[in-house]
Amino acid sequence: MNMYLVWPLWVISIILAIVLSFAALEAYALKNHVPTFSRFVWEITVDHPAIIVIFVGVLGFVLGFLSCHFWWGGMISFAPVKKLLGG
């Protein structure tokens, strides 16, 4: 199978799995009168405000790392292996 088709399918499936599981857990929470994710985050950050700073810092670090990893290129060339080895 063509890899230009496989990788987008993986990404779409992972995103779809995350969205569906989130929707299922939120529906469960609403049906059974337990705290939803939004309420849980609100209650945690009211009790422990430093979690906001830690979460934003970690999220920024992860997004920055992924941006550099995918689009900057760093110290290596994205040429095929044969071209890198002179073949």
PDB file of N, CA and C in Angstrom:
ATOM      1  N   MET A   1       0.842  -1.180   0.000  1.00  0.00           N
ATOM      2  CA  MET A   1       0.000   0.000   0.000  1.00  0.00           C
ATOM      3  C   MET A   1       0.885   1.240   0.000  1.00  0.00           C
ATOM      4  N   ASN A   2       0.440   2.273  -0.652  1.00  0.00           N
ATOM      5  CA  ASN A   2       1.199   3.508  -0.769  1.00  0.00           C
ATOM      6  C   ASN A   2       1.312   4.201   0.587  1.00  0.00           C
ATOM      7  N   MET A   3       2.539   4.543   0.989  1.00  0.00           N
ATOM      8  CA  MET A   3       2.763   5.156   2.303  1.00  0.00           C
ATOM      9  C   MET A   3       2.137   6.545   2.408  1.00  0.00           C
ATOM     10  N   TYR A   4       1.920   7.218   1.263  1.00  0.00           N
ATOM     11  CA  TYR A   4       1.254   8.514   1.307  1.00  0.00           C
ATOM     12  C   TYR A   4      -0.216   8.364   1.667  1.00  0.00           C
ATOM     13  N   LEU A   5      -0.716   7.149   1.618  1.00  0.00           N
ATOM     14  CA  LEU A   5      -2.081   6.866   2.043  1.00  0.00           C
ATOM     15  C   LEU A   5      -2.111   6.280   3.448  1.00  0.00           C
ATOM     16  N   VAL A   6      -1.101   5.495   3.810  1.00  0.00           N
ATOM     17  CA  VAL A   6      -1.084   4.818   5.107  1.00  0.00           C
ATOM     18  C   VAL A   6      -0.948   5.809   6.261  1.00  0.00           C
ATOM     19  N   TRP A   7      -0.011   6.730   6.193  1.00  0.00           N
ATOM     20  CA  TRP A   7       0.222   7.641   7.321  1.00  0.00           C
ATOM     21  C   TRP A   7      -0.962   8.555   7.592  1.00  0.00           C
ATOM     22  N   PRO A   8      -1.571   9.152   6.570  1.00  0.00           N
ATOM     23  CA  PRO A   8      -2.775   9.951   6.883  1.00  0.00           C
ATOM     24  C   PRO A   8      -3.900   9.110   7.483  1.00  0.00           C
ATOM     25  N   LEU A   9      -4.028   7.865   7.060  1.00  0.00           N
ATOM     26  CA  LEU A   9      -5.058   7.009   7.639  1.00  0.00           C
ATOM     27  C   LEU A   9      -4.776   6.726   9.108  1.00  0.00           C
ATOM     28  N   TRP A  10      -3.507   6.526   9.466  1.00  0.00           N
ATOM     29  CA  TRP A  10      -3.137   6.334  10.871  1.00  0.00           C
ATOM     30  C   TRP A  10      -3.500   7.566  11.690  1.00  0.00           C
ATOM     31  N   VAL A  11      -3.130   8.731  11.182  1.00  0.00           N
ATOM     32  CA  VAL A  11      -3.388   9.971  11.917  1.00  0.00           C
ATOM     33  C   VAL A  11      -4.892  10.189  12.079  1.00  0.00           C
ATOM     34  N   ILE A  12      -5.649   9.982  11.007  1.00  0.00           N
ATOM     35  CA  ILE A  12      -7.103  10.153  11.070  1.00  0.00           C
ATOM     36  C   ILE A  12      -7.712   9.161  12.057  1.00  0.00           C
ATOM     37  N   SER A  13      -7.249   7.904  12.035  1.00  0.00           N
ATOM     38  CA  SER A  13      -7.808   6.909  12.964  1.00  0.00           C
ATOM     39  C   SER A  13      -7.508   7.259  14.410  1.00  0.00           C
ATOM     40  N   ILE A  14      -6.310   7.738  14.693  1.00  0.00           N
ATOM     41  CA  ILE A  14      -5.955   8.098  16.066  1.00  0.00           C
ATOM     42  C   ILE A  14      -6.793   9.288  16.533  1.00  0.00           C
ATOM     43  N   ILE A  15      -6.927  10.298  15.676  1.00  0.00           N
ATOM     44  CA  ILE A  15      -7.734  11.468  16.042  1.00  0.00           C
ATOM     45  C   ILE A  15      -9.191  11.063  16.241  1.00  0.00           C
ATOM     46  N   LEU A  16      -9.696  10.212  15.368  1.00  0.00           N
ATOM     47  CA  LEU A  16     -11.078   9.751  15.494  1.00  0.00           C
ATOM     48  C   LEU A  16     -11.279   8.950  16.783  1.00  0.00           C
ATOM     49  N   ALA A  17     -10.324   8.115  17.134  1.00  0.00           N
ATOM     50  CA  ALA A  17     -10.413   7.341  18.376  1.00  0.00           C
ATOM     51  C   ALA A  17     -10.428   8.264  19.596  1.00  0.00           C
ATOM     52  N   ILE A  18      -9.599   9.302  19.584  1.00  0.00           N
ATOM     53  CA  ILE A  18      -9.567  10.253  20.697  1.00  0.00           C
ATOM     54  C   ILE A  18     -10.897  10.996  20.809  1.00  0.00           C
ATOM     55  N   VAL A  19     -11.408  11.466  19.680  1.00  0.00           N
ATOM     56  CA  VAL A  19     -12.673  12.211  19.686  1.00  0.00           C
ATOM     57  C   VAL A  19     -13.826  11.330  20.159  1.00  0.00           C
ATOM     58  N   LEU A  20     -13.894  10.112  19.651  1.00  0.00           N
ATOM     59  CA  LEU A  20     -14.996   9.219  20.027  1.00  0.00           C
ATOM     60  C   LEU A  20     -14.921   8.810  21.499  1.00  0.00           C
ATOM     61  N   SER A  21     -13.720   8.535  21.985  1.00  0.00           N
ATOM     62  CA  SER A  21     -13.610   8.159  23.398  1.00  0.00           C
ATOM     63  C   SER A  21     -13.945   9.341  24.301  1.00  0.00           C
ATOM     64  N   PHE A  22     -13.534  10.544  23.914  1.00  0.00           N
ATOM     65  CA  PHE A  22     -13.886  11.735  24.689  1.00  0.00           C
ATOM     66  C   PHE A  22     -15.397  11.931  24.707  1.00  0.00           C
ATOM     67  N   ALA A  23     -16.035  11.785  23.543  1.00  0.00           N
ATOM     68  CA  ALA A  23     -17.487  11.948  23.470  1.00  0.00           C
ATOM     69  C   ALA A  23     -18.199  10.895  24.322  1.00  0.00           C
ATOM     70  N   ALA A  24     -17.714   9.668  24.297  1.00  0.00           N
ATOM     71  CA  ALA A  24     -18.333   8.600  25.087  1.00  0.00           C
ATOM     72  C   ALA A  24     -18.195   8.878  26.586  1.00  0.00           C
ATOM     73  N   LEU A  25     -17.018   9.318  27.020  1.00  0.00           N
ATOM     74  CA  LEU A  25     -16.816   9.611  28.441  1.00  0.00           C
ATOM     75  C   LEU A  25     -17.635  10.820  28.897  1.00  0.00           C
ATOM     76  N   GLU A  26     -17.749  11.834  28.049  1.00  0.00           N
ATOM     77  CA  GLU A  26     -18.576  12.987  28.397  1.00  0.00           C
ATOM     78  C   GLU A  26     -20.046  12.594  28.482  1.00  0.00           C
ATOM     79  N   ALA A  27     -20.520  11.772  27.550  1.00  0.00           N
ATOM     80  CA  ALA A  27     -21.909  11.309  27.576  1.00  0.00           C
ATOM     81  C   ALA A  27     -22.170  10.501  28.851  1.00  0.00           C
ATOM     82  N   TYR A  28     -21.240   9.652  29.217  1.00  0.00           N
ATOM     83  CA  TYR A  28     -21.366   8.872  30.455  1.00  0.00           C
ATOM     84  C   TYR A  28     -21.452   9.797  31.668  1.00  0.00           C
ATOM     85  N   ALA A  29     -20.578  10.807  31.692  1.00  0.00           N
ATOM     86  CA  ALA A  29     -20.558  11.737  32.822  1.00  0.00           C
ATOM     87  C   ALA A  29     -21.867  12.511  32.921  1.00  0.00           C
ATOM     88  N   LEU A  30     -22.381  12.962  31.800  1.00  0.00           N
ATOM     89  CA  LEU A  30     -23.632  13.719  31.821  1.00  0.00           C
ATOM     90  C   LEU A  30     -24.814  12.843  32.214  1.00  0.00           C
ATOM     91  N   LYS A  31     -24.815  11.611  31.743  1.00  0.00           N
ATOM     92  CA  LYS A  31     -25.926  10.701  32.036  1.00  0.00           C
ATOM     93  C   LYS A  31     -25.948  10.293  33.508  1.00  0.00           C
ATOM     94  N   ASN A  32     -24.787  10.085  34.104  1.00  0.00           N
ATOM     95  CA  ASN A  32     -24.701   9.588  35.476  1.00  0.00           C
ATOM     96  C   ASN A  32     -24.440  10.678  36.516  1.00  0.00           C
ATOM     97  N   HIS A  33     -24.515  11.937  36.103  1.00  0.00           N
ATOM     98  CA  HIS A  33     -24.351  13.079  37.014  1.00  0.00           C
ATOM     99  C   HIS A  33     -23.024  13.047  37.772  1.00  0.00           C
ATOM    100  N   VAL A  34     -21.962  12.732  37.063  1.00  0.00           N
ATOM    101  CA  VAL A  34     -20.614  12.825  37.623  1.00  0.00           C
ATOM    102  C   VAL A  34     -19.895  13.957  36.898  1.00  0.00           C
ATOM    103  N   PRO A  35     -18.820  14.493  37.464  1.00  0.00           N
ATOM    104  CA  PRO A  35     -18.151  15.640  36.834  1.00  0.00           C
ATOM    105  C   PRO A  35     -17.649  15.331  35.412  1.00  0.00           C
ATOM    106  N   THR A  36     -17.896  16.261  34.514  1.00  0.00           N
ATOM    107  CA  THR A  36     -17.365  16.150  33.153  1.00  0.00           C
ATOM    108  C   THR A  36     -15.892  16.560  33.183  1.00  0.00           C
ATOM    109  N   PHE A  37     -15.229  16.443  32.057  1.00  0.00           N
ATOM    110  CA  PHE A  37     -13.810  16.808  31.979  1.00  0.00           C
ATOM    111  C   PHE A  37     -13.616  18.292  32.293  1.00  0.00           C
ATOM    112  N   SER A  38     -14.496  19.139  31.750  1.00  0.00           N
ATOM    113  CA  SER A  38     -14.380  20.582  32.003  1.00  0.00           C
ATOM    114  C   SER A  38     -14.526  20.892  33.494  1.00  0.00           C
ATOM    115  N   ARG A  39     -15.481  20.261  34.126  1.00  0.00           N
ATOM    116  CA  ARG A  39     -15.694  20.493  35.557  1.00  0.00           C
ATOM    117  C   ARG A  39     -14.507  19.974  36.376  1.00  0.00           C
ATOM    118  N   PHE A  40     -13.979  18.809  35.983  1.00  0.00           N
ATOM    119  CA  PHE A  40     -12.812  18.242  36.664  1.00  0.00           C
ATOM    120  C   PHE A  40     -11.620  19.196  36.579  1.00  0.00           C
ATOM    121  N   VAL A  41     -11.356  19.731  35.383  1.00  0.00           N
ATOM    122  CA  VAL A  41     -10.234  20.661  35.202  1.00  0.00           C
ATOM    123  C   VAL A  41     -10.463  21.920  36.032  1.00  0.00           C
ATOM    124  N   TRP A  42     -11.681  22.434  36.035  1.00  0.00           N
ATOM    125  CA  TRP A  42     -11.988  23.633  36.826  1.00  0.00           C
ATOM    126  C   TRP A  42     -11.736  23.393  38.313  1.00  0.00           C
ATOM    127  N   GLU A  43     -12.217  22.277  38.830  1.00  0.00           N
ATOM    128  CA  GLU A  43     -12.051  21.991  40.255  1.00  0.00           C
ATOM    129  C   GLU A  43     -10.583  21.801  40.633  1.00  0.00           C
ATOM    130  N   ILE A  44      -9.826  21.139  39.783  1.00  0.00           N
ATOM    131  CA  ILE A  44      -8.397  20.925  40.057  1.00  0.00           C
ATOM    132  C   ILE A  44      -7.647  22.252  40.057  1.00  0.00           C
ATOM    133  N   THR A  45      -7.922  23.107  39.076  1.00  0.00           N
ATOM    134  CA  THR A  45      -7.170  24.366  38.981  1.00  0.00           C
ATOM    135  C   THR A  45      -7.583  25.366  40.051  1.00  0.00           C
ATOM    136  N   VAL A  46      -8.795  25.254  40.579  1.00  0.00           N
ATOM    137  CA  VAL A  46      -9.182  26.120  41.694  1.00  0.00           C
ATOM    138  C   VAL A  46      -8.399  25.724  42.943  1.00  0.00           C
ATOM    139  N   ASP A  47      -8.264  24.414  43.158  1.00  0.00           N
ATOM    140  CA  ASP A  47      -7.538  23.934  44.336  1.00  0.00           C
ATOM    141  C   ASP A  47      -6.022  24.067  44.195  1.00  0.00           C
ATOM    142  N   HIS A  48      -5.521  23.907  42.985  1.00  0.00           N
ATOM    143  CA  HIS A  48      -4.072  23.905  42.739  1.00  0.00           C
ATOM    144  C   HIS A  48      -3.760  24.768  41.512  1.00  0.00           C
ATOM    145  N   PRO A  49      -3.678  26.109  41.665  1.00  0.00           N
ATOM    146  CA  PRO A  49      -3.467  26.992  40.507  1.00  0.00           C
ATOM    147  C   PRO A  49      -2.158  26.747  39.755  1.00  0.00           C
ATOM    148  N   ALA A  50      -1.159  26.170  40.385  1.00  0.00           N
ATOM    149  CA  ALA A  50       0.121  25.940  39.702  1.00  0.00           C
ATOM    150  C   ALA A  50      -0.021  24.926  38.576  1.00  0.00           C
ATOM    151  N   ILE A  51      -1.069  24.108  38.623  1.00  0.00           N
ATOM    152  CA  ILE A  51      -1.267  23.117  37.564  1.00  0.00           C
ATOM    153  C   ILE A  51      -1.476  23.797  36.215  1.00  0.00           C
ATOM    154  N   ILE A  52      -2.110  24.980  36.216  1.00  0.00           N
ATOM    155  CA  ILE A  52      -2.311  25.713  34.964  1.00  0.00           C
ATOM    156  C   ILE A  52      -0.962  26.037  34.336  1.00  0.00           C
ATOM    157  N   VAL A  53      -0.053  26.571  35.135  1.00  0.00           N
ATOM    158  CA  VAL A  53       1.268  26.950  34.633  1.00  0.00           C
ATOM    159  C   VAL A  53       2.022  25.719  34.133  1.00  0.00           C
ATOM    160  N   ILE A  54       1.971  24.639  34.897  1.00  0.00           N
ATOM    161  CA  ILE A  54       2.666  23.415  34.499  1.00  0.00           C
ATOM    162  C   ILE A  54       2.073  22.865  33.211  1.00  0.00           C
ATOM    163  N   PHE A  55       0.746  22.811  33.126  1.00  0.00           N
ATOM    164  CA  PHE A  55       0.089  22.277  31.925  1.00  0.00           C
ATOM    165  C   PHE A  55       0.428  23.108  30.697  1.00  0.00           C
ATOM    166  N   VAL A  56       0.328  24.425  30.806  1.00  0.00           N
ATOM    167  CA  VAL A  56       0.632  25.292  29.664  1.00  0.00           C
ATOM    168  C   VAL A  56       2.100  25.166  29.278  1.00  0.00           C
ATOM    169  N   GLY A  57       2.986  25.075  30.259  1.00  0.00           N
ATOM    170  CA  GLY A  57       4.406  24.916  29.962  1.00  0.00           C
ATOM    171  C   GLY A  57       4.708  23.611  29.254  1.00  0.00           C
ATOM    172  N   VAL A  58       4.139  22.527  29.744  1.00  0.00           N
ATOM    173  CA  VAL A  58       4.362  21.219  29.114  1.00  0.00           C
ATOM    174  C   VAL A  58       3.751  21.196  27.712  1.00  0.00           C
ATOM    175  N   LEU A  59       2.546  21.734  27.571  1.00  0.00           N
ATOM    176  CA  LEU A  59       1.903  21.779  26.254  1.00  0.00           C
ATOM    177  C   LEU A  59       2.739  22.594  25.271  1.00  0.00           C
ATOM    178  N   GLY A  60       3.256  23.738  25.718  1.00  0.00           N
ATOM    179  CA  GLY A  60       4.108  24.562  24.861  1.00  0.00           C
ATOM    180  C   GLY A  60       5.385  23.836  24.466  1.00  0.00           C
ATOM    181  N   PHE A  61       5.983  23.134  25.418  1.00  0.00           N
ATOM    182  CA  PHE A  61       7.202  22.382  25.127  1.00  0.00           C
ATOM    183  C   PHE A  61       6.937  21.295  24.092  1.00  0.00           C
ATOM    184  N   VAL A  62       5.857  20.545  24.269  1.00  0.00           N
ATOM    185  CA  VAL A  62       5.535  19.452  23.347  1.00  0.00           C
ATOM    186  C   VAL A  62       5.235  20.001  21.956  1.00  0.00           C
ATOM    187  N   LEU A  63       4.421  21.040  21.868  1.00  0.00           N
ATOM    188  CA  LEU A  63       4.098  21.611  20.558  1.00  0.00           C
ATOM    189  C   LEU A  63       5.324  22.223  19.888  1.00  0.00           C
ATOM    190  N   GLY A  64       6.173  22.876  20.667  1.00  0.00           N
ATOM    191  CA  GLY A  64       7.405  23.424  20.107  1.00  0.00           C
ATOM    192  C   GLY A  64       8.335  22.337  19.597  1.00  0.00           C
ATOM    193  N   PHE A  65       8.467  21.260  20.383  1.00  0.00           N
ATOM    194  CA  PHE A  65       9.306  20.140  19.957  1.00  0.00           C
ATOM    195  C   PHE A  65       8.781  19.528  18.664  1.00  0.00           C
ATOM    196  N   LEU A  66       7.466  19.294  18.606  1.00  0.00           N
ATOM    197  CA  LEU A  66       6.896  18.689  17.399  1.00  0.00           C
ATOM    198  C   LEU A  66       7.025  19.610  16.199  1.00  0.00           C
ATOM    199  N   SER A  67       6.878  20.913  16.398  1.00  0.00           N
ATOM    200  CA  SER A  67       7.046  21.852  15.293  1.00  0.00           C
ATOM    201  C   SER A  67       8.470  21.792  14.739  1.00  0.00           C
ATOM    202  N   CYS A  68       9.442  21.802  15.628  1.00  0.00           N
ATOM    203  CA  CYS A  68      10.834  21.697  15.178  1.00  0.00           C
ATOM    204  C   CYS A  68      11.088  20.349  14.516  1.00  0.00           C
ATOM    205  N   HIS A  69      10.555  19.295  15.096  1.00  0.00           N
ATOM    206  CA  HIS A  69      10.779  17.954  14.564  1.00  0.00           C
ATOM    207  C   HIS A  69      10.210  17.804  13.155  1.00  0.00           C
ATOM    208  N   PHE A  70       9.009  18.297  12.936  1.00  0.00           N
ATOM    209  CA  PHE A  70       8.359  18.087  11.644  1.00  0.00           C
ATOM    210  C   PHE A  70       8.769  19.102  10.586  1.00  0.00           C
ATOM    211  N   TRP A  71       8.946  20.385  10.947  1.00  0.00           N
ATOM    212  CA  TRP A  71       9.091  21.400   9.918  1.00  0.00           C
ATOM    213  C   TRP A  71      10.435  22.112   9.882  1.00  0.00           C
ATOM    214  N   TRP A  72      11.250  22.034  10.888  1.00  0.00           N
ATOM    215  CA  TRP A  72      12.509  22.750  10.852  1.00  0.00           C
ATOM    216  C   TRP A  72      13.569  21.953  10.111  1.00  0.00           C
ATOM    217  N   GLY A  73      13.681  20.689  10.375  1.00  0.00           N
ATOM    218  CA  GLY A  73      14.666  19.875   9.677  1.00  0.00           C
ATOM    219  C   GLY A  73      15.927  19.663  10.478  1.00  0.00           C
ATOM    220  N   GLY A  74      16.234  20.566  11.361  1.00  0.00           N
ATOM    221  CA  GLY A  74      17.384  20.386  12.234  1.00  0.00           C
ATOM    222  C   GLY A  74      18.694  20.226  11.483  1.00  0.00           C
ATOM    223  N   MET A  75      19.496  19.226  11.887  1.00  0.00           N
ATOM    224  CA  MET A  75      20.827  19.072  11.324  1.00  0.00           C
ATOM    225  C   MET A  75      20.882  18.019  10.231  1.00  0.00           C
ATOM    226  N   ILE A  76      19.790  17.359   9.921  1.00  0.00           N
ATOM    227  CA  ILE A  76      19.837  16.323   8.905  1.00  0.00           C
ATOM    228  C   ILE A  76      19.047  16.753   7.682  1.00  0.00           C
ATOM    229  N   SER A  77      19.388  16.180   6.586  1.00  0.00           N
ATOM    230  CA  SER A  77      18.678  16.444   5.340  1.00  0.00           C
ATOM    231  C   SER A  77      17.532  15.447   5.222  1.00  0.00           C
ATOM    232  N   PHE A  78      16.472  15.868   4.583  1.00  0.00           N
ATOM    233  CA  PHE A  78      15.345  14.967   4.383  1.00  0.00           C
ATOM    234  C   PHE A  78      15.423  14.259   3.033  1.00  0.00           C
ATOM    235  N   ALA A  79      16.616  14.201   2.473  1.00  0.00           N
ATOM    236  CA  ALA A  79      16.817  13.497   1.208  1.00  0.00           C
ATOM    237  C   ALA A  79      16.694  11.990   1.438  1.00  0.00           C
ATOM    238  N   PRO A  80      16.298  11.244   0.421  1.00  0.00           N
ATOM    239  CA  PRO A  80      16.242   9.784   0.566  1.00  0.00           C
ATOM    240  C   PRO A  80      17.619   9.225   0.951  1.00  0.00           C
ATOM    241  N   VAL A  81      17.634   8.057   1.570  1.00  0.00           N
ATOM    242  CA  VAL A  81      18.856   7.467   2.093  1.00  0.00           C
ATOM    243  C   VAL A  81      19.890   7.265   0.991  1.00  0.00           C
ATOM    244  N   LYS A  82      19.483   6.822  -0.180  1.00  0.00           N
ATOM    245  CA  LYS A  82      20.442   6.600  -1.264  1.00  0.00           C
ATOM    246  C   LYS A  82      21.186   7.867  -1.625  1.00  0.00           C
ATOM    247  N   LYS A  83      20.497   8.997  -1.643  1.00  0.00           N
ATOM    248  CA  LYS A  83      21.153  10.250  -1.958  1.00  0.00           C
ATOM    249  C   LYS A  83      22.118  10.671  -0.852  1.00  0.00           C
ATOM    250  N   LEU A  84      21.765  10.386   0.396  1.00  0.00           N
ATOM    251  CA  LEU A  84      22.652  10.736   1.509  1.00  0.00           C
ATOM    252  C   LEU A  84      23.934   9.919   1.474  1.00  0.00           C
ATOM    253  N   LEU A  85      23.843   8.657   1.041  1.00  0.00           N
ATOM    254  CA  LEU A  85      25.008   7.784   1.010  1.00  0.00           C
ATOM    255  C   LEU A  85      25.791   7.902  -0.296  1.00  0.00           C
ATOM    256  N   GLY A  86      25.323   8.746  -1.200  1.00  0.00           N
ATOM    257  CA  GLY A  86      26.021   8.944  -2.458  1.00  0.00           C
ATOM    258  C   GLY A  86      25.734   7.875  -3.487  1.00  0.00           C
ATOM    259  N   GLY A  87      24.658   7.116  -3.307  1.00  0.00           N
ATOM    260  CA  GLY A  87      24.327   6.017  -4.214  1.00  0.00           C
ATOM    261  C   GLY A  87      23.369   6.372  -5.296  1.00  0.00           C
TER     262      GLY A  87
END
